[in-house]
Amino acid sequence: MALLQPCTVDRHACGPAHWIGPIDGDGDAAALRDWLEHGQWESTPLPTRLARHSRWVNTANESN
């Protein structure tokens, strides 16, 4: 898992943190790196295989 939080140019947090993952191996790590290097992570969707955690969260919310 990775946790990513947007920040200002001078490195002050300016938004909620985003959970990413799970990261399972070199391929997922490379996909995360490429997505981050693209530099538009706030407007570009996360690669599907790196957003699997959201299914867990949604399932947990539905069962509560």
PDB file of N, CA and C in Angstrom:
ATOM      1  N   MET A   1       0.841  -1.175   0.000  1.00  0.00           N
ATOM      2  CA  MET A   1       0.000   0.000   0.000  1.00  0.00           C
ATOM      3  C   MET A   1       0.887   1.239   0.000  1.00  0.00           C
ATOM      4  N   ALA A   2       0.373   2.279  -0.583  1.00  0.00           N
ATOM      5  CA  ALA A   2       1.025   3.583  -0.550  1.00  0.00           C
ATOM      6  C   ALA A   2      -0.030   4.600  -0.126  1.00  0.00           C
ATOM      7  N   LEU A   3       0.420   5.661   0.457  1.00  0.00           N
ATOM      8  CA  LEU A   3      -0.461   6.744   0.873  1.00  0.00           C
ATOM      9  C   LEU A   3       0.075   8.018   0.241  1.00  0.00           C
ATOM     10  N   LEU A   4      -0.772   8.712  -0.487  1.00  0.00           N
ATOM     11  CA  LEU A   4      -0.350   9.892  -1.223  1.00  0.00           C
ATOM     12  C   LEU A   4      -1.221  11.067  -0.810  1.00  0.00           C
ATOM     13  N   GLN A   5      -0.589  12.192  -0.475  1.00  0.00           N
ATOM     14  CA  GLN A   5      -1.346  13.368  -0.056  1.00  0.00           C
ATOM     15  C   GLN A   5      -0.920  14.567  -0.891  1.00  0.00           C
ATOM     16  N   PRO A   6      -1.879  15.286  -1.474  1.00  0.00           N
ATOM     17  CA  PRO A   6      -1.533  16.474  -2.246  1.00  0.00           C
ATOM     18  C   PRO A   6      -0.931  17.548  -1.345  1.00  0.00           C
ATOM     19  N   CYS A   7      -0.039  18.335  -1.930  1.00  0.00           N
ATOM     20  CA  CYS A   7       0.576  19.420  -1.170  1.00  0.00           C
ATOM     21  C   CYS A   7       0.831  20.612  -2.081  1.00  0.00           C
ATOM     22  N   THR A   8       1.079  21.739  -1.458  1.00  0.00           N
ATOM     23  CA  THR A   8       1.398  22.958  -2.190  1.00  0.00           C
ATOM     24  C   THR A   8       2.845  22.888  -2.665  1.00  0.00           C
ATOM     25  N   VAL A   9       3.248  23.862  -3.448  1.00  0.00           N
ATOM     26  CA  VAL A   9       4.618  23.909  -3.957  1.00  0.00           C
ATOM     27  C   VAL A   9       5.627  23.921  -2.815  1.00  0.00           C
ATOM     28  N   ASP A  10       5.272  24.561  -1.700  1.00  0.00           N
ATOM     29  CA  ASP A  10       6.189  24.611  -0.557  1.00  0.00           C
ATOM     30  C   ASP A  10       5.930  23.482   0.448  1.00  0.00           C
ATOM     31  N   ARG A  11       5.276  22.419  -0.020  1.00  0.00           N
ATOM     32  CA  ARG A  11       5.124  21.156   0.721  1.00  0.00           C
ATOM     33  C   ARG A  11       4.204  21.210   1.941  1.00  0.00           C
ATOM     34  N   HIS A  12       3.162  22.016   1.877  1.00  0.00           N
ATOM     35  CA  HIS A  12       2.143  22.012   2.929  1.00  0.00           C
ATOM     36  C   HIS A  12       0.958  21.186   2.434  1.00  0.00           C
ATOM     37  N   ALA A  13       0.485  20.280   3.274  1.00  0.00           N
ATOM     38  CA  ALA A  13      -0.652  19.439   2.895  1.00  0.00           C
ATOM     39  C   ALA A  13      -1.846  20.314   2.523  1.00  0.00           C
ATOM     40  N   CYS A  14      -2.529  19.946   1.436  1.00  0.00           N
ATOM     41  CA  CYS A  14      -3.664  20.761   0.990  1.00  0.00           C
ATOM     42  C   CYS A  14      -4.861  19.909   0.564  1.00  0.00           C
ATOM     43  N   GLY A  15      -4.914  18.693   1.015  1.00  0.00           N
ATOM     44  CA  GLY A  15      -6.048  17.846   0.668  1.00  0.00           C
ATOM     45  C   GLY A  15      -5.955  16.518   1.388  1.00  0.00           C
ATOM     46  N   PRO A  16      -6.995  15.718   1.255  1.00  0.00           N
ATOM     47  CA  PRO A  16      -7.000  14.420   1.937  1.00  0.00           C
ATOM     48  C   PRO A  16      -6.014  13.445   1.302  1.00  0.00           C
ATOM     49  N   ALA A  17      -5.527  12.537   2.111  1.00  0.00           N
ATOM     50  CA  ALA A  17      -4.619  11.499   1.617  1.00  0.00           C
ATOM     51  C   ALA A  17      -5.402  10.467   0.814  1.00  0.00           C
ATOM     52  N   HIS A  18      -4.730   9.839  -0.136  1.00  0.00           N
ATOM     53  CA  HIS A  18      -5.319   8.815  -0.991  1.00  0.00           C
ATOM     54  C   HIS A  18      -4.576   7.502  -0.783  1.00  0.00           C
ATOM     55  N   TRP A  19      -5.329   6.429  -0.507  1.00  0.00           N
ATOM     56  CA  TRP A  19      -4.745   5.096  -0.384  1.00  0.00           C
ATOM     57  C   TRP A  19      -4.578   4.513  -1.776  1.00  0.00           C
ATOM     58  N   ILE A  20      -3.451   3.863  -2.004  1.00  0.00           N
ATOM     59  CA  ILE A  20      -3.161   3.233  -3.289  1.00  0.00           C
ATOM     60  C   ILE A  20      -2.711   1.808  -3.019  1.00  0.00           C
ATOM     61  N   GLY A  21      -3.271   0.879  -3.759  1.00  0.00           N
ATOM     62  CA  GLY A  21      -2.795  -0.486  -3.622  1.00  0.00           C
ATOM     63  C   GLY A  21      -3.924  -1.485  -3.502  1.00  0.00           C
ATOM     64  N   PRO A  22      -3.552  -2.702  -3.218  1.00  0.00           N
ATOM     65  CA  PRO A  22      -2.209  -3.125  -2.843  1.00  0.00           C
ATOM     66  C   PRO A  22      -1.241  -3.073  -4.025  1.00  0.00           C
ATOM     67  N   ILE A  23       0.018  -2.933  -3.692  1.00  0.00           N
ATOM     68  CA  ILE A  23       1.100  -2.935  -4.674  1.00  0.00           C
ATOM     69  C   ILE A  23       1.727  -4.316  -4.600  1.00  0.00           C
ATOM     70  N   ASP A  24       1.522  -5.097  -5.648  1.00  0.00           N
ATOM     71  CA  ASP A  24       1.921  -6.501  -5.640  1.00  0.00           C
ATOM     72  C   ASP A  24       2.996  -6.749  -6.698  1.00  0.00           C
ATOM     73  N   GLY A  25       4.228  -6.445  -6.352  1.00  0.00           N
ATOM     74  CA  GLY A  25       5.339  -6.763  -7.239  1.00  0.00           C
ATOM     75  C   GLY A  25       5.854  -5.584  -8.040  1.00  0.00           C
ATOM     76  N   ASP A  26       6.857  -5.899  -8.852  1.00  0.00           N
ATOM     77  CA  ASP A  26       7.544  -4.875  -9.637  1.00  0.00           C
ATOM     78  C   ASP A  26       6.632  -4.196 -10.657  1.00  0.00           C
ATOM     79  N   GLY A  27       5.716  -4.948 -11.250  1.00  0.00           N
ATOM     80  CA  GLY A  27       4.816  -4.363 -12.246  1.00  0.00           C
ATOM     81  C   GLY A  27       3.925  -3.288 -11.650  1.00  0.00           C
ATOM     82  N   ASP A  28       3.372  -3.562 -10.484  1.00  0.00           N
ATOM     83  CA  ASP A  28       2.530  -2.567  -9.817  1.00  0.00           C
ATOM     84  C   ASP A  28       3.355  -1.363  -9.371  1.00  0.00           C
ATOM     85  N   ALA A  29       4.563  -1.610  -8.869  1.00  0.00           N
ATOM     86  CA  ALA A  29       5.435  -0.506  -8.448  1.00  0.00           C
ATOM     87  C   ALA A  29       5.780   0.379  -9.645  1.00  0.00           C
ATOM     88  N   ALA A  30       6.050  -0.245 -10.787  1.00  0.00           N
ATOM     89  CA  ALA A  30       6.363   0.522 -11.999  1.00  0.00           C
ATOM     90  C   ALA A  30       5.139   1.313 -12.466  1.00  0.00           C
ATOM     91  N   ALA A  31       3.958   0.714 -12.374  1.00  0.00           N
ATOM     92  CA  ALA A  31       2.732   1.421 -12.768  1.00  0.00           C
ATOM     93  C   ALA A  31       2.502   2.636 -11.873  1.00  0.00           C
ATOM     94  N   LEU A  32       2.748   2.486 -10.574  1.00  0.00           N
ATOM     95  CA  LEU A  32       2.606   3.610  -9.647  1.00  0.00           C
ATOM     96  C   LEU A  32       3.623   4.697  -9.968  1.00  0.00           C
ATOM     97  N   ARG A  33       4.861   4.303 -10.195  1.00  0.00           N
ATOM     98  CA  ARG A  33       5.902   5.274 -10.545  1.00  0.00           C
ATOM     99  C   ARG A  33       5.519   6.051 -11.794  1.00  0.00           C
ATOM    100  N   ASP A  34       5.098   5.341 -12.838  1.00  0.00           N
ATOM    101  CA  ASP A  34       4.736   6.000 -14.096  1.00  0.00           C
ATOM    102  C   ASP A  34       3.572   6.961 -13.898  1.00  0.00           C
ATOM    103  N   TRP A  35       2.589   6.552 -13.111  1.00  0.00           N
ATOM    104  CA  TRP A  35       1.424   7.394 -12.851  1.00  0.00           C
ATOM    105  C   TRP A  35       1.838   8.664 -12.108  1.00  0.00           C
ATOM    106  N   LEU A  36       2.708   8.514 -11.113  1.00  0.00           N
ATOM    107  CA  LEU A  36       3.179   9.677 -10.356  1.00  0.00           C
ATOM    108  C   LEU A  36       4.037  10.598 -11.213  1.00  0.00           C
ATOM    109  N   GLU A  37       4.921  10.015 -12.024  1.00  0.00           N
ATOM    110  CA  GLU A  37       5.794  10.831 -12.872  1.00  0.00           C
ATOM    111  C   GLU A  37       5.007  11.600 -13.921  1.00  0.00           C
ATOM    112  N   HIS A  38       3.828  11.103 -14.275  1.00  0.00           N
ATOM    113  CA  HIS A  38       2.971  11.806 -15.230  1.00  0.00           C
ATOM    114  C   HIS A  38       2.617  13.187 -14.687  1.00  0.00           C
ATOM    115  N   GLY A  39       2.550  13.304 -13.349  1.00  0.00           N
ATOM    116  CA  GLY A  39       2.400  14.604 -12.704  1.00  0.00           C
ATOM    117  C   GLY A  39       0.996  15.160 -12.622  1.00  0.00           C
ATOM    118  N   GLN A  40       0.004  14.411 -13.032  1.00  0.00           N
ATOM    119  CA  GLN A  40      -1.368  14.920 -12.988  1.00  0.00           C
ATOM    120  C   GLN A  40      -2.252  13.952 -12.220  1.00  0.00           C
ATOM    121  N   TRP A  41      -1.734  13.450 -11.103  1.00  0.00           N
ATOM    122  CA  TRP A  41      -2.442  12.388 -10.393  1.00  0.00           C
ATOM    123  C   TRP A  41      -3.765  12.830  -9.791  1.00  0.00           C
ATOM    124  N   GLU A  42      -3.959  14.117  -9.601  1.00  0.00           N
ATOM    125  CA  GLU A  42      -5.240  14.562  -9.050  1.00  0.00           C
ATOM    126  C   GLU A  42      -6.362  14.510 -10.085  1.00  0.00           C
ATOM    127  N   SER A  43      -6.013  14.526 -11.370  1.00  0.00           N
ATOM    128  CA  SER A  43      -7.041  14.502 -12.412  1.00  0.00           C
ATOM    129  C   SER A  43      -6.979  13.261 -13.297  1.00  0.00           C
ATOM    130  N   THR A  44      -5.917  12.483 -13.203  1.00  0.00           N
ATOM    131  CA  THR A  44      -5.772  11.266 -13.997  1.00  0.00           C
ATOM    132  C   THR A  44      -6.117  10.068 -13.123  1.00  0.00           C
ATOM    133  N   PRO A  45      -7.047   9.229 -13.563  1.00  0.00           N
ATOM    134  CA  PRO A  45      -7.432   8.083 -12.729  1.00  0.00           C
ATOM    135  C   PRO A  45      -6.253   7.157 -12.433  1.00  0.00           C
ATOM    136  N   LEU A  46      -6.292   6.575 -11.279  1.00  0.00           N
ATOM    137  CA  LEU A  46      -5.305   5.589 -10.864  1.00  0.00           C
ATOM    138  C   LEU A  46      -5.467   4.344 -11.725  1.00  0.00           C
ATOM    139  N   PRO A  47      -4.354   3.700 -12.142  1.00  0.00           N
ATOM    140  CA  PRO A  47      -4.491   2.437 -12.871  1.00  0.00           C
ATOM    141  C   PRO A  47      -5.376   1.468 -12.071  1.00  0.00           C
ATOM    142  N   THR A  48      -6.274   0.793 -12.744  1.00  0.00           N
ATOM    143  CA  THR A  48      -7.277  -0.056 -12.093  1.00  0.00           C
ATOM    144  C   THR A  48      -6.673  -1.030 -11.104  1.00  0.00           C
ATOM    145  N   ARG A  49      -5.573  -1.659 -11.464  1.00  0.00           N
ATOM    146  CA  ARG A  49      -5.007  -2.677 -10.568  1.00  0.00           C
ATOM    147  C   ARG A  49      -4.446  -2.082  -9.282  1.00  0.00           C
ATOM    148  N   LEU A  50      -4.243  -0.757  -9.257  1.00  0.00           N
ATOM    149  CA  LEU A  50      -3.751  -0.103  -8.045  1.00  0.00           C
ATOM    150  C   LEU A  50      -4.880   0.487  -7.206  1.00  0.00           C
ATOM    151  N   ALA A  51      -6.102   0.298  -7.633  1.00  0.00           N
ATOM    152  CA  ALA A  51      -7.254   0.841  -6.903  1.00  0.00           C
ATOM    153  C   ALA A  51      -8.089  -0.268  -6.268  1.00  0.00           C
ATOM    154  N   ARG A  52      -7.505  -1.442  -6.110  1.00  0.00           N
ATOM    155  CA  ARG A  52      -8.264  -2.570  -5.555  1.00  0.00           C
ATOM    156  C   ARG A  52      -8.698  -2.322  -4.121  1.00  0.00           C
ATOM    157  N   HIS A  53      -7.961  -1.502  -3.381  1.00  0.00           N
ATOM    158  CA  HIS A  53      -8.341  -1.210  -1.991  1.00  0.00           C
ATOM    159  C   HIS A  53      -9.727  -0.594  -1.913  1.00  0.00           C
ATOM    160  N   SER A  54     -10.123   0.167  -2.922  1.00  0.00           N
ATOM    161  CA  SER A  54     -11.423   0.847  -2.871  1.00  0.00           C
ATOM    162  C   SER A  54     -12.568  -0.154  -2.847  1.00  0.00           C
ATOM    163  N   ARG A  55     -12.375  -1.323  -3.433  1.00  0.00           N
ATOM    164  CA  ARG A  55     -13.415  -2.351  -3.362  1.00  0.00           C
ATOM    165  C   ARG A  55     -13.589  -2.831  -1.933  1.00  0.00           C
ATOM    166  N   TRP A  56     -12.475  -2.949  -1.195  1.00  0.00           N
ATOM    167  CA  TRP A  56     -12.555  -3.364   0.207  1.00  0.00           C
ATOM    168  C   TRP A  56     -13.307  -2.320   1.013  1.00  0.00           C
ATOM    169  N   VAL A  57     -12.979  -1.058   0.790  1.00  0.00           N
ATOM    170  CA  VAL A  57     -13.615   0.031   1.538  1.00  0.00           C
ATOM    171  C   VAL A  57     -15.104   0.065   1.237  1.00  0.00           C
ATOM    172  N   ASN A  58     -15.466  -0.006  -0.037  1.00  0.00           N
ATOM    173  CA  ASN A  58     -16.882   0.034  -0.406  1.00  0.00           C
ATOM    174  C   ASN A  58     -17.637  -1.154   0.173  1.00  0.00           C
ATOM    175  N   THR A  59     -17.037  -2.329   0.146  1.00  0.00           N
ATOM    176  CA  THR A  59     -17.676  -3.517   0.705  1.00  0.00           C
ATOM    177  C   THR A  59     -17.863  -3.363   2.211  1.00  0.00           C
ATOM    178  N   ALA A  60     -16.859  -2.848   2.896  1.00  0.00           N
ATOM    179  CA  ALA A  60     -16.953  -2.650   4.343  1.00  0.00           C
ATOM    180  C   ALA A  60     -18.042  -1.636   4.680  1.00  0.00           C
ATOM    181  N   ASN A  61     -18.134  -0.569   3.905  1.00  0.00           N
ATOM    182  CA  ASN A  61     -19.164   0.443   4.160  1.00  0.00           C
ATOM    183  C   ASN A  61     -20.563  -0.119   3.954  1.00  0.00           C
ATOM    184  N   GLU A  62     -20.720  -0.982   2.948  1.00  0.00           N
ATOM    185  CA  GLU A  62     -22.027  -1.554   2.664  1.00  0.00           C
ATOM    186  C   GLU A  62     -22.473  -2.511   3.761  1.00  0.00           C
ATOM    187  N   SER A  63     -21.515  -3.161   4.423  1.00  0.00           N
ATOM    188  CA  SER A  63     -21.883  -4.150   5.437  1.00  0.00           C
ATOM    189  C   SER A  63     -22.092  -3.530   6.819  1.00  0.00           C
ATOM    190  N   ASN A  64     -21.796  -2.254   6.964  1.00  0.00           N
ATOM    191  CA  ASN A  64     -21.976  -1.593   8.273  1.00  0.00           C
ATOM    192  C   ASN A  64     -23.310  -0.909   8.375  1.00  0.00           C
TER     193      ASN A  64
END
